[in-house]
PDB file of N, CA and C in Angstrom:
ATOM      1  N   GLN A   1     102.331 192.879 155.481  1.00  0.00           N
ATOM      2  CA  GLN A   1     102.665 192.581 154.098  1.00  0.00           C
ATOM      3  C   GLN A   1     104.164 192.335 153.948  1.00  0.00           C
ATOM      4  N   VAL A   2     104.985 193.214 154.503  1.00  0.00           N
ATOM      5  CA  VAL A   2     106.434 193.060 154.509  1.00  0.00           C
ATOM      6  C   VAL A   2     106.918 193.168 155.947  1.00  0.00           C
ATOM      7  N   GLN A   3     107.727 192.206 156.354  1.00  0.00           N
ATOM      8  CA  GLN A   3     108.292 192.212 157.695  1.00  0.00           C
ATOM      9  C   GLN A   3     109.799 191.986 157.613  1.00  0.00           C
ATOM     10  N   LEU A   4     110.549 192.763 158.377  1.00  0.00           N
ATOM     11  CA  LEU A   4     112.000 192.678 158.403  1.00  0.00           C
ATOM     12  C   LEU A   4     112.459 192.362 159.818  1.00  0.00           C
ATOM     13  N   VAL A   5     113.402 191.433 159.942  1.00  0.00           N
ATOM     14  CA  VAL A   5     113.931 191.039 161.239  1.00  0.00           C
ATOM     15  C   VAL A   5     115.444 191.094 161.190  1.00  0.00           C
ATOM     16  N   GLU A   6     116.037 191.974 162.007  1.00  0.00           N
ATOM     17  CA  GLU A   6     117.487 192.079 162.103  1.00  0.00           C
ATOM     18  C   GLU A   6     118.017 191.111 163.150  1.00  0.00           C
ATOM     19  N   SER A   7     119.244 190.639 162.940  1.00  0.00           N
ATOM     20  CA  SER A   7     119.914 189.797 163.909  1.00  0.00           C
ATOM     21  C   SER A   7     121.420 189.972 163.756  1.00  0.00           C
ATOM     22  N   GLY A   8     122.169 189.461 164.725  1.00  0.00           N
ATOM     23  CA  GLY A   8     123.619 189.479 164.649  1.00  0.00           C
ATOM     24  C   GLY A   8     124.296 190.518 165.510  1.00  0.00           C
ATOM     25  N   GLY A   9     123.532 191.364 166.175  1.00  0.00           N
ATOM     26  CA  GLY A   9     124.133 192.356 167.051  1.00  0.00           C
ATOM     27  C   GLY A   9     124.701 191.719 168.300  1.00  0.00           C
ATOM     28  N   GLY A  10     125.452 192.511 169.056  1.00  0.00           N
ATOM     29  CA  GLY A  10     126.050 192.020 170.279  1.00  0.00           C
ATOM     30  C   GLY A  10     127.094 192.969 170.809  1.00  0.00           C
ATOM     31  N   LEU A  11     127.874 192.478 171.768  1.00  0.00           N
ATOM     32  CA  LEU A  11     128.935 193.244 172.408  1.00  0.00           C
ATOM     33  C   LEU A  11     130.277 192.758 171.897  1.00  0.00           C
ATOM     34  N   VAL A  12     131.082 193.680 171.376  1.00  0.00           N
ATOM     35  CA  VAL A  12     132.417 193.347 170.885  1.00  0.00           C
ATOM     36  C   VAL A  12     133.407 194.402 171.353  1.00  0.00           C
ATOM     37  N   GLN A  13     134.678 194.033 171.384  1.00  0.00           N
ATOM     38  CA  GLN A  13     135.731 194.981 171.704  1.00  0.00           C
ATOM     39  C   GLN A  13     136.104 195.797 170.473  1.00  0.00           C
ATOM     40  N   ALA A  14     136.633 196.984 170.705  1.00  0.00           N
ATOM     41  CA  ALA A  14     137.112 197.810 169.600  1.00  0.00           C
ATOM     42  C   ALA A  14     138.093 197.023 168.740  1.00  0.00           C
ATOM     43  N   GLY A  15     137.938 197.148 167.425  1.00  0.00           N
ATOM     44  CA  GLY A  15     138.752 196.400 166.485  1.00  0.00           C
ATOM     45  C   GLY A  15     138.140 195.090 166.036  1.00  0.00           C
ATOM     46  N   GLY A  16     137.076 194.662 166.689  1.00  0.00           N
ATOM     47  CA  GLY A  16     136.421 193.417 166.342  1.00  0.00           C
ATOM     48  C   GLY A  16     135.451 193.566 165.193  1.00  0.00           C
ATOM     49  N   SER A  17     134.747 192.457 164.889  1.00  0.00           N
ATOM     50  CA  SER A  17     133.841 192.407 163.750  1.00  0.00           C
ATOM     51  C   SER A  17     132.505 191.799 164.139  1.00  0.00           C
ATOM     52  N   LEU A  18     131.465 192.198 163.418  1.00  0.00           N
ATOM     53  CA  LEU A  18     130.143 191.605 163.513  1.00  0.00           C
ATOM     54  C   LEU A  18     129.530 191.577 162.121  1.00  0.00           C
ATOM     55  N   ARG A  19     128.656 190.607 161.875  1.00  0.00           N
ATOM     56  CA  ARG A  19     127.859 190.595 160.659  1.00  0.00           C
ATOM     57  C   ARG A  19     126.390 190.631 161.028  1.00  0.00           C
ATOM     58  N   LEU A  20     125.714 191.683 160.608  1.00  0.00           N
ATOM     59  CA  LEU A  20     124.288 191.813 160.826  1.00  0.00           C
ATOM     60  C   LEU A  20     123.525 191.217 159.655  1.00  0.00           C
ATOM     61  N   SER A  21     122.386 190.599 159.943  1.00  0.00           N
ATOM     62  CA  SER A  21     121.515 190.051 158.921  1.00  0.00           C
ATOM     63  C   SER A  21     120.148 190.701 159.001  1.00  0.00           C
ATOM     64  N   CYS A  22     119.491 190.796 157.861  1.00  0.00           N
ATOM     65  CA  CYS A  22     118.147 191.343 157.758  1.00  0.00           C
ATOM     66  C   CYS A  22     117.323 190.381 156.925  1.00  0.00           C
ATOM     67  N   ALA A  23     116.459 189.623 157.576  1.00  0.00           N
ATOM     68  CA  ALA A  23     115.619 188.643 156.903  1.00  0.00           C
ATOM     69  C   ALA A  23     114.261 189.262 156.604  1.00  0.00           C
ATOM     70  N   ALA A  24     113.829 189.146 155.358  1.00  0.00           N
ATOM     71  CA  ALA A  24     112.600 189.787 154.906  1.00  0.00           C
ATOM     72  C   ALA A  24     111.561 188.760 154.495  1.00  0.00           C
ATOM     73  N   SER A  25     110.316 189.070 154.789  1.00  0.00           N
ATOM     74  CA  SER A  25     109.180 188.347 154.243  1.00  0.00           C
ATOM     75  C   SER A  25     108.457 189.253 153.255  1.00  0.00           C
ATOM     76  N   GLY A  26     107.678 188.654 152.374  1.00  0.00           N
ATOM     77  CA  GLY A  26     106.970 189.429 151.372  1.00  0.00           C
ATOM     78  C   GLY A  26     107.561 189.265 149.989  1.00  0.00           C
ATOM     79  N   ARG A  27     106.875 189.805 149.009  1.00  0.00           N
ATOM     80  CA  ARG A  27     107.241 189.598 147.605  1.00  0.00           C
ATOM     81  C   ARG A  27     108.004 190.756 146.987  1.00  0.00           C
ATOM     82  N   THR A  28     108.286 191.801 147.737  1.00  0.00           N
ATOM     83  CA  THR A  28     108.917 192.993 147.179  1.00  0.00           C
ATOM     84  C   THR A  28     110.411 193.089 147.436  1.00  0.00           C
ATOM     85  N   PHE A  29     110.988 192.149 148.173  1.00  0.00           N
ATOM     86  CA  PHE A  29     112.383 192.274 148.573  1.00  0.00           C
ATOM     87  C   PHE A  29     113.317 192.418 147.379  1.00  0.00           C
ATOM     88  N   SER A  30     113.209 191.519 146.404  1.00  0.00           N
ATOM     89  CA  SER A  30     114.145 191.493 145.290  1.00  0.00           C
ATOM     90  C   SER A  30     114.011 192.702 144.374  1.00  0.00           C
ATOM     91  N   ARG A  31     112.923 193.458 144.489  1.00  0.00           N
ATOM     92  CA  ARG A  31     112.721 194.641 143.662  1.00  0.00           C
ATOM     93  C   ARG A  31     113.051 195.929 144.413  1.00  0.00           C
ATOM     94  N   SER A  32     113.482 195.806 145.657  1.00  0.00           N
ATOM     95  CA  SER A  32     113.658 196.970 146.513  1.00  0.00           C
ATOM     96  C   SER A  32     115.112 197.218 146.858  1.00  0.00           C
ATOM     97  N   VAL A  33     115.427 198.484 147.067  1.00  0.00           N
ATOM     98  CA  VAL A  33     116.688 198.887 147.665  1.00  0.00           C
ATOM     99  C   VAL A  33     116.672 198.520 149.148  1.00  0.00           C
ATOM    100  N   VAL A  34     117.813 198.100 149.678  1.00  0.00           N
ATOM    101  CA  VAL A  34     117.959 197.825 151.104  1.00  0.00           C
ATOM    102  C   VAL A  34     118.925 198.831 151.706  1.00  0.00           C
ATOM    103  N   GLY A  35     118.497 199.493 152.762  1.00  0.00           N
ATOM    104  CA  GLY A  35     119.348 200.423 153.481  1.00  0.00           C
ATOM    105  C   GLY A  35     119.556 199.981 154.912  1.00  0.00           C
ATOM    106  N   TRP A  36     120.701 200.363 155.470  1.00  0.00           N
ATOM    107  CA  TRP A  36     120.980 200.198 156.896  1.00  0.00           C
ATOM    108  C   TRP A  36     121.130 201.577 157.519  1.00  0.00           C
ATOM    109  N   PHE A  37     120.490 201.756 158.672  1.00  0.00           N
ATOM    110  CA  PHE A  37     120.572 202.975 159.461  1.00  0.00           C
ATOM    111  C   PHE A  37     120.952 202.615 160.886  1.00  0.00           C
ATOM    112  N   ARG A  38     121.378 203.604 161.656  1.00  0.00           N
ATOM    113  CA  ARG A  38     121.687 203.358 163.064  1.00  0.00           C
ATOM    114  C   ARG A  38     121.323 204.573 163.902  1.00  0.00           C
ATOM    115  N   GLN A  39     121.062 204.322 165.181  1.00  0.00           N
ATOM    116  CA  GLN A  39     120.752 205.386 166.117  1.00  0.00           C
ATOM    117  C   GLN A  39     121.498 205.126 167.421  1.00  0.00           C
ATOM    118  N   ALA A  40     122.410 206.027 167.753  1.00  0.00           N
ATOM    119  CA  ALA A  40     123.192 205.939 168.971  1.00  0.00           C
ATOM    120  C   ALA A  40     122.468 206.655 170.104  1.00  0.00           C
ATOM    121  N   PRO A  41     122.806 206.332 171.363  1.00  0.00           N
ATOM    122  CA  PRO A  41     122.169 207.013 172.493  1.00  0.00           C
ATOM    123  C   PRO A  41     122.336 208.526 172.406  1.00  0.00           C
ATOM    124  N   GLY A  42     121.238 209.241 172.533  1.00  0.00           N
ATOM    125  CA  GLY A  42     121.265 210.692 172.493  1.00  0.00           C
ATOM    126  C   GLY A  42     121.493 211.293 171.126  1.00  0.00           C
ATOM    127  N   LYS A  43     121.505 210.475 170.083  1.00  0.00           N
ATOM    128  CA  LYS A  43     121.758 210.957 168.727  1.00  0.00           C
ATOM    129  C   LYS A  43     120.556 210.693 167.828  1.00  0.00           C
ATOM    130  N   GLU A  44     120.502 211.415 166.723  1.00  0.00           N
ATOM    131  CA  GLU A  44     119.479 211.173 165.717  1.00  0.00           C
ATOM    132  C   GLU A  44     119.850 209.964 164.872  1.00  0.00           C
ATOM    133  N   ARG A  45     118.847 209.338 164.282  1.00  0.00           N
ATOM    134  CA  ARG A  45     119.081 208.239 163.361  1.00  0.00           C
ATOM    135  C   ARG A  45     119.911 208.719 162.176  1.00  0.00           C
ATOM    136  N   GLU A  46     120.887 207.908 161.761  1.00  0.00           N
ATOM    137  CA  GLU A  46     121.725 208.285 160.641  1.00  0.00           C
ATOM    138  C   GLU A  46     121.845 207.153 159.628  1.00  0.00           C
ATOM    139  N   PHE A  47     122.037 207.538 158.390  1.00  0.00           N
ATOM    140  CA  PHE A  47     122.256 206.603 157.305  1.00  0.00           C
ATOM    141  C   PHE A  47     123.616 205.937 157.454  1.00  0.00           C
ATOM    142  N   VAL A  48     123.670 204.633 157.126  1.00  0.00           N
ATOM    143  CA  VAL A  48     124.923 203.883 157.167  1.00  0.00           C
ATOM    144  C   VAL A  48     125.329 203.394 155.782  1.00  0.00           C
ATOM    145  N   ALA A  49     124.435 202.664 155.102  1.00  0.00           N
ATOM    146  CA  ALA A  49     124.779 202.062 153.816  1.00  0.00           C
ATOM    147  C   ALA A  49     123.515 201.708 153.062  1.00  0.00           C
ATOM    148  N   VAL A  50     123.641 201.556 151.743  1.00  0.00           N
ATOM    149  CA  VAL A  50     122.523 201.162 150.892  1.00  0.00           C
ATOM    150  C   VAL A  50     123.054 200.299 149.757  1.00  0.00           C
ATOM    151  N   VAL A  51     122.246 199.337 149.310  1.00  0.00           N
ATOM    152  CA  VAL A  51     122.599 198.464 148.196  1.00  0.00           C
ATOM    153  C   VAL A  51     121.431 198.396 147.229  1.00  0.00           C
ATOM    154  N   SER A  52     121.734 198.391 145.924  1.00  0.00           N
ATOM    155  CA  SER A  52     120.713 198.331 144.894  1.00  0.00           C
ATOM    156  C   SER A  52     120.058 196.959 144.860  1.00  0.00           C
ATOM    157  N   TRP A  53     118.979 196.854 144.072  1.00  0.00           N
ATOM    158  CA  TRP A  53     118.201 195.615 144.039  1.00  0.00           C
ATOM    159  C   TRP A  53     119.021 194.417 143.582  1.00  0.00           C
ATOM    160  N   ASN A  54     120.001 194.644 142.702  1.00  0.00           N
ATOM    161  CA  ASN A  54     120.806 193.546 142.171  1.00  0.00           C
ATOM    162  C   ASN A  54     122.136 193.382 142.906  1.00  0.00           C
ATOM    163  N   GLY A  55     122.367 194.171 143.950  1.00  0.00           N
ATOM    164  CA  GLY A  55     123.565 194.036 144.756  1.00  0.00           C
ATOM    165  C   GLY A  55     124.809 194.663 144.171  1.00  0.00           C
ATOM    166  N   ILE A  56     124.704 195.339 143.040  1.00  0.00           N
ATOM    167  CA  ILE A  56     125.883 195.851 142.357  1.00  0.00           C
ATOM    168  C   ILE A  56     126.295 197.229 142.868  1.00  0.00           C
ATOM    169  N   ARG A  57     125.335 198.122 143.046  1.00  0.00           N
ATOM    170  CA  ARG A  57     125.646 199.478 143.472  1.00  0.00           C
ATOM    171  C   ARG A  57     125.525 199.599 144.983  1.00  0.00           C
ATOM    172  N   THR A  58     126.519 200.218 145.611  1.00  0.00           N
ATOM    173  CA  THR A  58     126.500 200.447 147.052  1.00  0.00           C
ATOM    174  C   THR A  58     126.997 201.849 147.362  1.00  0.00           C
ATOM    175  N   THR A  59     126.512 202.404 148.456  1.00  0.00           N
ATOM    176  CA  THR A  59     126.952 203.696 148.945  1.00  0.00           C
ATOM    177  C   THR A  59     127.049 203.626 150.464  1.00  0.00           C
ATOM    178  N   TYR A  60     128.075 204.265 151.035  1.00  0.00           N
ATOM    179  CA  TYR A  60     128.309 204.256 152.470  1.00  0.00           C
ATOM    180  C   TYR A  60     128.492 205.664 153.002  1.00  0.00           C
ATOM    181  N   THR A  61     128.107 205.875 154.249  1.00  0.00           N
ATOM    182  CA  THR A  61     128.450 207.120 154.899  1.00  0.00           C
ATOM    183  C   THR A  61     129.952 207.144 155.166  1.00  0.00           C
ATOM    184  N   ASP A  62     130.544 208.329 155.174  1.00  0.00           N
ATOM    185  CA  ASP A  62     132.002 208.442 155.234  1.00  0.00           C
ATOM    186  C   ASP A  62     132.608 207.767 156.461  1.00  0.00           C
ATOM    187  N   SER A  63     131.921 207.791 157.580  1.00  0.00           N
ATOM    188  CA  SER A  63     132.489 207.280 158.814  1.00  0.00           C
ATOM    189  C   SER A  63     132.674 205.763 158.826  1.00  0.00           C
ATOM    190  N   VAL A  64     132.004 205.036 157.921  1.00  0.00           N
ATOM    191  CA  VAL A  64     132.133 203.582 157.878  1.00  0.00           C
ATOM    192  C   VAL A  64     132.800 203.091 156.609  1.00  0.00           C
ATOM    193  N   LYS A  65     133.082 203.972 155.682  1.00  0.00           N
ATOM    194  CA  LYS A  65     133.660 203.588 154.398  1.00  0.00           C
ATOM    195  C   LYS A  65     135.001 202.885 154.608  1.00  0.00           C
ATOM    196  N   GLY A  66     135.166 201.737 153.960  1.00  0.00           N
ATOM    197  CA  GLY A  66     136.373 200.954 154.109  1.00  0.00           C
ATOM    198  C   GLY A  66     136.335 199.967 155.252  1.00  0.00           C
ATOM    199  N   ARG A  67     135.349 200.079 156.131  1.00  0.00           N
ATOM    200  CA  ARG A  67     135.213 199.164 157.264  1.00  0.00           C
ATOM    201  C   ARG A  67     133.970 198.287 157.165  1.00  0.00           C
ATOM    202  N   PHE A  68     132.884 198.833 156.624  1.00  0.00           N
ATOM    203  CA  PHE A  68     131.617 198.113 156.519  1.00  0.00           C
ATOM    204  C   PHE A  68     131.367 197.708 155.074  1.00  0.00           C
ATOM    205  N   THR A  69     130.674 196.581 154.888  1.00  0.00           N
ATOM    206  CA  THR A  69     130.282 196.113 153.564  1.00  0.00           C
ATOM    207  C   THR A  69     128.826 195.676 153.595  1.00  0.00           C
ATOM    208  N   ILE A  70     128.010 196.253 152.722  1.00  0.00           N
ATOM    209  CA  ILE A  70     126.612 195.859 152.596  1.00  0.00           C
ATOM    210  C   ILE A  70     126.475 194.895 151.420  1.00  0.00           C
ATOM    211  N   SER A  71     125.621 193.894 151.565  1.00  0.00           N
ATOM    212  CA  SER A  71     125.393 192.925 150.503  1.00  0.00           C
ATOM    213  C   SER A  71     123.986 192.351 150.646  1.00  0.00           C
ATOM    214  N   ARG A  72     123.576 191.548 149.669  1.00  0.00           N
ATOM    215  CA  ARG A  72     122.257 190.927 149.732  1.00  0.00           C
ATOM    216  C   ARG A  72     122.257 189.614 148.980  1.00  0.00           C
ATOM    217  N   ASP A  73     121.345 188.733 149.369  1.00  0.00           N
ATOM    218  CA  ASP A  73     121.126 187.453 148.709  1.00  0.00           C
ATOM    219  C   ASP A  73     119.633 187.362 148.449  1.00  0.00           C
ATOM    220  N   ASN A  74     119.223 187.690 147.235  1.00  0.00           N
ATOM    221  CA  ASN A  74     117.801 187.736 146.926  1.00  0.00           C
ATOM    222  C   ASN A  74     117.142 186.357 146.986  1.00  0.00           C
ATOM    223  N   ALA A  75     117.899 185.297 146.711  1.00  0.00           N
ATOM    224  CA  ALA A  75     117.349 183.952 146.808  1.00  0.00           C
ATOM    225  C   ALA A  75     116.950 183.610 148.236  1.00  0.00           C
ATOM    226  N   LYS A  76     117.599 184.236 149.216  1.00  0.00           N
ATOM    227  CA  LYS A  76     117.295 184.008 150.625  1.00  0.00           C
ATOM    228  C   LYS A  76     116.474 185.127 151.246  1.00  0.00           C
ATOM    229  N   ASN A  77     116.131 186.146 150.458  1.00  0.00           N
ATOM    230  CA  ASN A  77     115.421 187.316 150.985  1.00  0.00           C
ATOM    231  C   ASN A  77     116.133 187.896 152.204  1.00  0.00           C
ATOM    232  N   THR A  78     117.448 188.022 152.092  1.00  0.00           N
ATOM    233  CA  THR A  78     118.254 188.462 153.220  1.00  0.00           C
ATOM    234  C   THR A  78     119.299 189.470 152.765  1.00  0.00           C
ATOM    235  N   ALA A  79     119.509 190.502 153.574  1.00  0.00           N
ATOM    236  CA  ALA A  79     120.582 191.461 153.372  1.00  0.00           C
ATOM    237  C   ALA A  79     121.532 191.407 154.557  1.00  0.00           C
ATOM    238  N   TYR A  80     122.755 191.872 154.349  1.00  0.00           N
ATOM    239  CA  TYR A  80     123.791 191.774 155.367  1.00  0.00           C
ATOM    240  C   TYR A  80     124.541 193.086 155.502  1.00  0.00           C
ATOM    241  N   LEU A  81     125.104 193.294 156.684  1.00  0.00           N
ATOM    242  CA  LEU A  81     126.043 194.377 156.911  1.00  0.00           C
ATOM    243  C   LEU A  81     127.234 193.794 157.660  1.00  0.00           C
ATOM    244  N   GLN A  82     128.338 193.613 156.945  1.00  0.00           N
ATOM    245  CA  GLN A  82     129.577 193.146 157.555  1.00  0.00           C
ATOM    246  C   GLN A  82     130.311 194.349 158.129  1.00  0.00           C
ATOM    247  N   MET A  83     130.608 194.313 159.421  1.00  0.00           N
ATOM    248  CA  MET A  83     131.226 195.432 160.118  1.00  0.00           C
ATOM    249  C   MET A  83     132.574 194.977 160.667  1.00  0.00           C
ATOM    250  N   ASN A  84     133.644 195.564 160.156  1.00  0.00           N
ATOM    251  CA  ASN A  84     134.995 195.259 160.597  1.00  0.00           C
ATOM    252  C   ASN A  84     135.621 196.483 161.256  1.00  0.00           C
ATOM    253  N   SER A  85     136.693 196.260 161.990  1.00  0.00           N
ATOM    254  CA  SER A  85     137.428 197.345 162.653  1.00  0.00           C
ATOM    255  C   SER A  85     136.485 198.256 163.423  1.00  0.00           C
ATOM    256  N   LEU A  86     135.636 197.664 164.222  1.00  0.00           N
ATOM    257  CA  LEU A  86     134.603 198.423 164.927  1.00  0.00           C
ATOM    258  C   LEU A  86     135.212 199.378 165.945  1.00  0.00           C
ATOM    259  N   LYS A  87     134.557 200.523 166.085  1.00  0.00           N
ATOM    260  CA  LYS A  87     134.967 201.573 167.001  1.00  0.00           C
ATOM    261  C   LYS A  87     133.861 201.830 168.011  1.00  0.00           C
ATOM    262  N   PRO A  88     134.199 202.358 169.192  1.00  0.00           N
ATOM    263  CA  PRO A  88     133.146 202.671 170.164  1.00  0.00           C
ATOM    264  C   PRO A  88     132.055 203.570 169.611  1.00  0.00           C
ATOM    265  N   GLU A  89     132.389 204.475 168.712  1.00  0.00           N
ATOM    266  CA  GLU A  89     131.393 205.359 168.136  1.00  0.00           C
ATOM    267  C   GLU A  89     130.428 204.653 167.188  1.00  0.00           C
ATOM    268  N   ASP A  90     130.676 203.370 166.871  1.00  0.00           N
ATOM    269  CA  ASP A  90     129.732 202.577 166.098  1.00  0.00           C
ATOM    270  C   ASP A  90     128.603 202.029 166.960  1.00  0.00           C
ATOM    271  N   THR A  91     128.706 202.180 168.270  1.00  0.00           N
ATOM    272  CA  THR A  91     127.667 201.694 169.172  1.00  0.00           C
ATOM    273  C   THR A  91     126.334 202.357 168.854  1.00  0.00           C
ATOM    274  N   ALA A  92     125.316 201.532 168.597  1.00  0.00           N
ATOM    275  CA  ALA A  92     124.009 202.045 168.205  1.00  0.00           C
ATOM    276  C   ALA A  92     123.053 200.878 168.028  1.00  0.00           C
ATOM    277  N   VAL A  93     121.781 201.192 167.888  1.00  0.00           N
ATOM    278  CA  VAL A  93     120.805 200.240 167.393  1.00  0.00           C
ATOM    279  C   VAL A  93     120.801 200.348 165.876  1.00  0.00           C
ATOM    280  N   TYR A  94     120.959 199.219 165.203  1.00  0.00           N
ATOM    281  CA  TYR A  94     121.030 199.185 163.744  1.00  0.00           C
ATOM    282  C   TYR A  94     119.722 198.674 163.173  1.00  0.00           C
ATOM    283  N   TYR A  95     119.216 199.365 162.155  1.00  0.00           N
ATOM    284  CA  TYR A  95     117.952 199.048 161.511  1.00  0.00           C
ATOM    285  C   TYR A  95     118.162 198.799 160.025  1.00  0.00           C
ATOM    286  N   CYS A  96     117.471 197.804 159.473  1.00  0.00           N
ATOM    287  CA  CYS A  96     117.412 197.663 158.026  1.00  0.00           C
ATOM    288  C   CYS A  96     116.064 198.156 157.530  1.00  0.00           C
ATOM    289  N   ALA A  97     116.033 198.539 156.259  1.00  0.00           N
ATOM    290  CA  ALA A  97     114.831 199.115 155.680  1.00  0.00           C
ATOM    291  C   ALA A  97     114.783 198.821 154.187  1.00  0.00           C
ATOM    292  N   LEU A  98     113.572 198.733 153.644  1.00  0.00           N
ATOM    293  CA  LEU A  98     113.345 198.558 152.214  1.00  0.00           C
ATOM    294  C   LEU A  98     112.695 199.804 151.647  1.00  0.00           C
ATOM    295  N   GLY A  99     113.109 200.193 150.446  1.00  0.00           N
ATOM    296  CA  GLY A  99     112.494 201.338 149.805  1.00  0.00           C
ATOM    297  C   GLY A  99     113.177 201.702 148.507  1.00  0.00           C
ATOM    298  N   ARG A 100     113.235 203.006 148.266  1.00  0.00           N
ATOM    299  CA  ARG A 100     113.898 203.537 147.083  1.00  0.00           C
ATOM    300  C   ARG A 100     115.325 203.937 147.405  1.00  0.00           C
ATOM    301  N   TRP A 101     116.141 204.106 146.390  1.00  0.00           N
ATOM    302  CA  TRP A 101     117.514 204.528 146.590  1.00  0.00           C
ATOM    303  C   TRP A 101     117.553 205.886 147.291  1.00  0.00           C
ATOM    304  N   GLY A 102     118.300 205.969 148.391  1.00  0.00           N
ATOM    305  CA  GLY A 102     118.417 207.234 149.080  1.00  0.00           C
ATOM    306  C   GLY A 102     119.184 207.099 150.374  1.00  0.00           C
ATOM    307  N   VAL A 103     119.474 208.238 151.006  1.00  0.00           N
ATOM    308  CA  VAL A 103     120.204 208.288 152.267  1.00  0.00           C
ATOM    309  C   VAL A 103     119.359 208.904 153.370  1.00  0.00           C
ATOM    310  N   SER A 104     118.083 209.080 153.106  1.00  0.00           N
ATOM    311  CA  SER A 104     117.153 209.613 154.087  1.00  0.00           C
ATOM    312  C   SER A 104     116.170 208.537 154.511  1.00  0.00           C
ATOM    313  N   GLY A 105     115.777 208.569 155.775  1.00  0.00           N
ATOM    314  CA  GLY A 105     114.788 207.617 156.234  1.00  0.00           C
ATOM    315  C   GLY A 105     113.482 207.694 155.477  1.00  0.00           C
ATOM    316  N   SER A 106     113.153 208.865 154.965  1.00  0.00           N
ATOM    317  CA  SER A 106     111.916 209.042 154.223  1.00  0.00           C
ATOM    318  C   SER A 106     111.930 208.331 152.876  1.00  0.00           C
ATOM    319  N   ASP A 107     113.082 207.843 152.436  1.00  0.00           N
ATOM    320  CA  ASP A 107     113.171 207.102 151.188  1.00  0.00           C
ATOM    321  C   ASP A 107     112.754 205.643 151.344  1.00  0.00           C
ATOM    322  N   TYR A 108     112.494 205.214 152.558  1.00  0.00           N
ATOM    323  CA  TYR A 108     112.243 203.803 152.839  1.00  0.00           C
ATOM    324  C   TYR A 108     110.850 203.591 153.411  1.00  0.00           C
ATOM    325  N   ASP A 109     110.242 202.475 153.022  1.00  0.00           N
ATOM    326  CA  ASP A 109     108.852 202.202 153.352  1.00  0.00           C
ATOM    327  C   ASP A 109     108.671 201.203 154.493  1.00  0.00           C
ATOM    328  N   TYR A 110     109.600 200.265 154.643  1.00  0.00           N
ATOM    329  CA  TYR A 110     109.474 199.201 155.631  1.00  0.00           C
ATOM    330  C   TYR A 110     110.728 199.139 156.479  1.00  0.00           C
ATOM    331  N   TRP A 111     110.536 198.935 157.781  1.00  0.00           N
ATOM    332  CA  TRP A 111     111.625 198.956 158.746  1.00  0.00           C
ATOM    333  C   TRP A 111     111.564 197.758 159.684  1.00  0.00           C
ATOM    334  N   GLY A 112     112.747 197.266 160.071  1.00  0.00           N
ATOM    335  CA  GLY A 112     112.825 196.274 161.118  1.00  0.00           C
ATOM    336  C   GLY A 112     112.812 196.921 162.489  1.00  0.00           C
ATOM    337  N   GLN A 113     112.853 196.095 163.530  1.00  0.00           N
ATOM    338  CA  GLN A 113     112.815 196.585 164.903  1.00  0.00           C
ATOM    339  C   GLN A 113     114.183 196.927 165.463  1.00  0.00           C
ATOM    340  N   GLY A 114     115.248 196.547 164.773  1.00  0.00           N
ATOM    341  CA  GLY A 114     116.584 196.924 165.171  1.00  0.00           C
ATOM    342  C   GLY A 114     117.312 195.851 165.954  1.00  0.00           C
ATOM    343  N   THR A 115     118.643 195.927 165.923  1.00  0.00           N
ATOM    344  CA  THR A 115     119.500 195.044 166.706  1.00  0.00           C
ATOM    345  C   THR A 115     120.618 195.885 167.324  1.00  0.00           C
ATOM    346  N   GLN A 116     120.904 195.644 168.599  1.00  0.00           N
ATOM    347  CA  GLN A 116     121.864 196.455 169.346  1.00  0.00           C
ATOM    348  C   GLN A 116     123.288 196.019 169.046  1.00  0.00           C
ATOM    349  N   VAL A 117     124.137 196.981 168.731  1.00  0.00           N
ATOM    350  CA  VAL A 117     125.570 196.768 168.580  1.00  0.00           C
ATOM    351  C   VAL A 117     126.280 197.635 169.607  1.00  0.00           C
ATOM    352  N   THR A 118     127.102 197.021 170.449  1.00  0.00           N
ATOM    353  CA  THR A 118     127.854 197.745 171.464  1.00  0.00           C
ATOM    354  C   THR A 118     129.331 197.426 171.302  1.00  0.00           C
ATOM    355  N   VAL A 119     130.146 198.463 171.165  1.00  0.00           N
ATOM    356  CA  VAL A 119     131.587 198.311 170.978  1.00  0.00           C
ATOM    357  C   VAL A 119     132.282 198.930 172.182  1.00  0.00           C
ATOM    358  N   SER A 120     133.024 198.132 172.924  1.00  0.00           N
ATOM    359  CA  SER A 120     133.709 198.602 174.123  1.00  0.00           C
ATOM    360  C   SER A 120     135.089 199.128 173.780  1.00  0.00           C
ATOM    361  N   SER A 121     135.586 200.048 174.617  1.00  0.00           N
ATOM    362  CA  SER A 121     136.893 200.663 174.404  1.00  0.00           C
ATOM    363  C   SER A 121     138.019 199.702 174.744  1.00  0.00           C
TER     364      SER A 121
END
């Protein structure tokens, strides 16, 4: 019913930038909150950012605040995560998700398969 596909990951040096995209199918995208999460090797999945249905309200985890920007284009059924000033500790698989406003994975109903981001020292 709803499918999400992340893209834009890759290998970058510390201080570099990447823009992740999340392309959605289905009719619920424009009515849903979009969240980004990440999971690093040996770590639990953690919340990164969330954007409201109209793109106006955003919230970020402290470790990425001022470096990452979440946005969405409802006409394209796509959400984005612009990542600047990347650090090695940002290395993780990044996932987008649709659901209700929240910072917990349980707040979201649909998930993509993830895209790998690797930041070298």
